[in-house]
C-alpha atoms as a PDB file:
ATOM      1  CA  MET A   1      25.226  31.313-191.715  1.00  0.00           C
ATOM      2  CA  ILE A   2      23.188  34.059-190.688  1.00  0.00           C
ATOM      3  CA  ASN A   3      25.063  34.875-187.310  1.00  0.00           C
ATOM      4  CA  LEU A   4      28.626  34.565-188.785  1.00  0.00           C
ATOM      5  CA  LEU A   5      28.335  37.736-191.079  1.00  0.00           C
ATOM      6  CA  PRO A   6      28.639  39.726-188.494  1.00  0.00           C
ATOM      7  CA  LYS A   7      32.109  38.385-187.641  1.00  0.00           C
ATOM      8  CA  ILE A   8      32.919  38.518-191.694  1.00  0.00           C
ATOM      9  CA  LEU A   9      31.528  41.584-192.294  1.00  0.00           C
ATOM     10  CA  PRO A  10      32.347  44.239-190.323  1.00  0.00           C
ATOM     11  CA  ARG A  11      29.198  46.614-188.652  1.00  0.00           C
ATOM     12  CA  ASN A  12      29.964  49.579-188.138  1.00  0.00           C
ATOM     13  CA  ASP A  13      32.783  51.759-189.024  1.00  0.00           C
ATOM     14  CA  GLU A  14      35.050  50.824-185.962  1.00  0.00           C
ATOM     15  CA  ASP A  15      35.396  47.123-186.865  1.00  0.00           C
ATOM     16  CA  ARG A  16      35.835  48.065-190.494  1.00  0.00           C
ATOM     17  CA  GLN A  17      38.465  50.210-189.098  1.00  0.00           C
ATOM     18  CA  ALA A  18      39.993  47.925-187.033  1.00  0.00           C
ATOM     19  CA  THR A  19      39.932  44.955-189.239  1.00  0.00           C
ATOM     20  CA  ILE A  20      41.481  47.687-192.197  1.00  0.00           C
ATOM     21  CA  GLU A  21      44.458  47.450-190.068  1.00  0.00           C
ATOM     22  CA  ARG A  22      44.593  44.377-189.194  1.00  0.00           C
ATOM     23  CA  SER A  23      44.983  43.303-192.305  1.00  0.00           C
ATOM     24  CA  LEU A  24      47.481  46.329-193.511  1.00  0.00           C
ATOM     25  CA  MET A  25      49.569  44.770-190.093  1.00  0.00           C
ATOM     26  CA  ARG A  26      49.245  41.335-191.210  1.00  0.00           C
ATOM     27  CA  ALA A  27      50.310  42.700-194.833  1.00  0.00           C
ATOM     28  CA  GLU A  28      53.607  44.643-193.352  1.00  0.00           C
ATOM     29  CA  ALA A  29      54.706  41.323-191.597  1.00  0.00           C
ATOM     30  CA  LYS A  30      54.484  39.324-194.309  1.00  0.00           C
ATOM     31  CA  ILE A  31      56.686  42.105-196.125  1.00  0.00           C
ATOM     32  CA  GLY A  32      58.846  41.842-193.497  1.00  0.00           C
ATOM     33  CA  GLY A  33      59.757  38.714-193.158  1.00  0.00           C
ATOM     34  CA  GLN A  34      60.399  38.305-196.854  1.00  0.00           C
ATOM     35  CA  LEU A  35      63.889  41.518-196.218  1.00  0.00           C
ATOM     36  CA  PHE A  36      66.398  38.174-196.168  1.00  0.00           C
ATOM     37  CA  GLY A  37      64.922  36.116-198.627  1.00  0.00           C
ATOM     38  CA  PRO A  38      62.736  33.530-199.638  1.00  0.00           C
ATOM     39  CA  VAL A  39      60.567  32.115-196.562  1.00  0.00           C
ATOM     40  CA  PRO A  40      61.475  28.991-196.806  1.00  0.00           C
ATOM     41  CA  LYS A  41      58.118  25.558-196.878  1.00  0.00           C
ATOM     42  CA  GLY A  42      57.103  25.476-193.998  1.00  0.00           C
ATOM     43  CA  HIS A  43      58.406  28.163-192.305  1.00  0.00           C
ATOM     44  CA  ASN A  44      56.574  31.421-190.959  1.00  0.00           C
ATOM     45  CA  ARG A  45      58.965  34.578-190.549  1.00  0.00           C
ATOM     46  CA  GLN A  46      57.144  38.011-189.911  1.00  0.00           C
ATOM     47  CA  PHE A  47      59.236  41.048-188.992  1.00  0.00           C
ATOM     48  CA  PHE A  48      57.369  44.235-188.016  1.00  0.00           C
ATOM     49  CA  CYS A  49      56.064  47.094-185.921  1.00  0.00           C
ATOM     50  CA  LEU A  50      53.781  47.617-183.218  1.00  0.00           C
ATOM     51  CA  ASP A  51      54.008  50.222-182.303  1.00  0.00           C
ATOM     52  CA  ASP A  52      56.088  53.125-182.398  1.00  0.00           C
ATOM     53  CA  HIS A  53      58.882  52.072-179.687  1.00  0.00           C
ATOM     54  CA  THR A  54      58.841  48.168-180.661  1.00  0.00           C
ATOM     55  CA  TRP A  55      59.579  45.589-183.562  1.00  0.00           C
ATOM     56  CA  ILE A  56      58.545  42.353-183.203  1.00  0.00           C
ATOM     57  CA  TRP A  57      60.544  38.952-185.416  1.00  0.00           C
ATOM     58  CA  TYR A  58      59.343  35.892-185.396  1.00  0.00           C
ATOM     59  CA  GLU A  59      59.705  32.669-186.564  1.00  0.00           C
ATOM     60  CA  GLU A  60      57.443  29.624-186.860  1.00  0.00           C
ATOM     61  CA  TRP A  61      58.271  25.777-188.479  1.00  0.00           C
ATOM     62  CA  GLN A  62      58.131  22.146-187.939  1.00  0.00           C
ATOM     63  CA  THR A  63      60.673  20.633-186.580  1.00  0.00           C
ATOM     64  CA  LYS A  64      60.035  16.262-186.270  1.00  0.00           C
ATOM     65  CA  GLY A  65      56.137  17.281-186.095  1.00  0.00           C
ATOM     66  CA  GLN A  66      56.947  19.854-183.194  1.00  0.00           C
ATOM     67  CA  ARG A  67      55.714  23.050-183.890  1.00  0.00           C
ATOM     68  CA  GLN A  68      58.496  25.608-182.984  1.00  0.00           C
ATOM     69  CA  THR A  69      58.228  29.115-182.976  1.00  0.00           C
ATOM     70  CA  VAL A  70      61.036  31.908-181.930  1.00  0.00           C
ATOM     71  CA  THR A  71      59.960  35.656-180.809  1.00  0.00           C
ATOM     72  CA  THR A  72      62.749  39.219-179.956  1.00  0.00           C
ATOM     73  CA  ARG A  73      61.229  42.029-179.618  1.00  0.00           C
ATOM     74  CA  TYR A  74      63.362  44.785-179.232  1.00  0.00           C
ATOM     75  CA  GLU A  75      61.987  48.136-178.140  1.00  0.00           C
ATOM     76  CA  VAL A  76      63.564  51.066-179.038  1.00  0.00           C
ATOM     77  CA  ARG A  77      65.116  53.621-176.432  1.00  0.00           C
ATOM     78  CA  PRO A  78      66.210  57.221-176.251  1.00  0.00           C
ATOM     79  CA  ASN A  79      69.829  55.349-174.116  1.00  0.00           C
ATOM     80  CA  GLY A  80      69.960  52.593-177.028  1.00  0.00           C
ATOM     81  CA  VAL A  81      67.920  49.775-178.116  1.00  0.00           C
ATOM     82  CA  LEU A  82      67.472  46.729-175.364  1.00  0.00           C
ATOM     83  CA  LYS A  83      66.512  43.106-176.851  1.00  0.00           C
ATOM     84  CA  ALA A  84      64.648  39.615-175.302  1.00  0.00           C
ATOM     85  CA  GLN A  85      64.023  36.358-176.816  1.00  0.00           C
ATOM     86  CA  GLY A  86      61.264  34.297-175.636  1.00  0.00           C
ATOM     87  CA  ASN A  87      60.794  34.558-171.990  1.00  0.00           C
ATOM     88  CA  GLN A  88      65.101  35.867-171.775  1.00  0.00           C
ATOM     89  CA  PRO A  89      64.707  39.260-170.357  1.00  0.00           C
ATOM     90  CA  TYR A  90      65.772  42.637-171.914  1.00  0.00           C
ATOM     91  CA  GLN A  91      69.056  43.102-172.618  1.00  0.00           C
ATOM     92  CA  ARG A  92      71.204  45.389-174.782  1.00  0.00           C
ATOM     93  CA  LEU A  93      71.793  45.824-178.338  1.00  0.00           C
ATOM     94  CA  SER A  94      76.059  44.883-179.555  1.00  0.00           C
ATOM     95  CA  HIS A  95      77.076  47.125-182.124  1.00  0.00           C
ATOM     96  CA  ASP A  96      77.091  45.065-184.909  1.00  0.00           C
ATOM     97  CA  GLU A  97      73.584  43.613-183.650  1.00  0.00           C
ATOM     98  CA  ALA A  98      72.125  47.962-183.708  1.00  0.00           C
ATOM     99  CA  ARG A  99      73.484  48.208-187.127  1.00  0.00           C
ATOM    100  CA  ASN A 100      71.501  45.417-188.106  1.00  0.00           C
ATOM    101  CA  LEU A 101      68.107  45.946-187.361  1.00  0.00           C
ATOM    102  CA  TYR A 102      68.524  49.616-188.535  1.00  0.00           C
ATOM    103  CA  ARG A 103      69.145  48.421-191.906  1.00  0.00           C
ATOM    104  CA  ALA A 104      66.317  45.847-191.522  1.00  0.00           C
ATOM    105  CA  VAL A 105      63.993  48.643-191.110  1.00  0.00           C
ATOM    106  CA  ASP A 106      64.980  51.153-193.422  1.00  0.00           C
ATOM    107  CA  LEU A 107      65.039  48.490-195.911  1.00  0.00           C
ATOM    108  CA  TYR A 108      61.290  47.506-194.011  1.00  0.00           C
ATOM    109  CA  ARG A 109      60.389  50.684-194.114  1.00  0.00           C
ATOM    110  CA  GLN A 110      61.255  51.554-198.221  1.00  0.00           C
ATOM    111  CA  ARG A 111      59.444  47.970-199.015  1.00  0.00           C
ATOM    112  CA  VAL A 112      56.378  49.348-196.869  1.00  0.00           C
ATOM    113  CA  GLY A 113      56.265  52.700-198.317  1.00  0.00           C
ATOM    114  CA  THR A 114      56.076  50.782-201.681  1.00  0.00           C
ATOM    115  CA  TYR A 115      53.381  48.524-201.254  1.00  0.00           C
ATOM    116  CA  TYR A 116      51.370  51.789-200.237  1.00  0.00           C
ATOM    117  CA  GLN A 117      52.370  53.614-202.742  1.00  0.00           C
ATOM    118  CA  ARG A 118      51.191  50.288-205.027  1.00  0.00           C
ATOM    119  CA  LEU A 119      47.442  50.378-203.006  1.00  0.00           C
ATOM    120  CA  LEU A 120      46.940  53.847-203.492  1.00  0.00           C
ATOM    121  CA  GLN A 121      47.952  53.652-206.965  1.00  0.00           C
ATOM    122  CA  ASN A 122      45.315  51.073-207.341  1.00  0.00           C
ATOM    123  CA  ALA A 123      42.854  52.571-205.297  1.00  0.00           C
END
């Protein structure tokens, strides 16, 4: 039991910081996953910003007892946005897809901003 404590309660500031960052990223991914309505029972849906140039849409569900997943990765580059799904190569987003991604990112930032404002108010 005592050997589990360092894994549960970080021992130093770097571990504590990493734990907090992972927790916040999970919260952001959950908020992002709810942007387009309720997540169906048995589904896991996430949408989040991985870094300055990368957005991830992840969905997981069960079909006939088999776990299904789809991961879509969006790479924002100076000359446009590229998308890859699963092991497929990157391809450019159509104008409509780019507009939808822009709207999703804008809504994500609003909702995540509200989440952080509430956290700060309750701190």
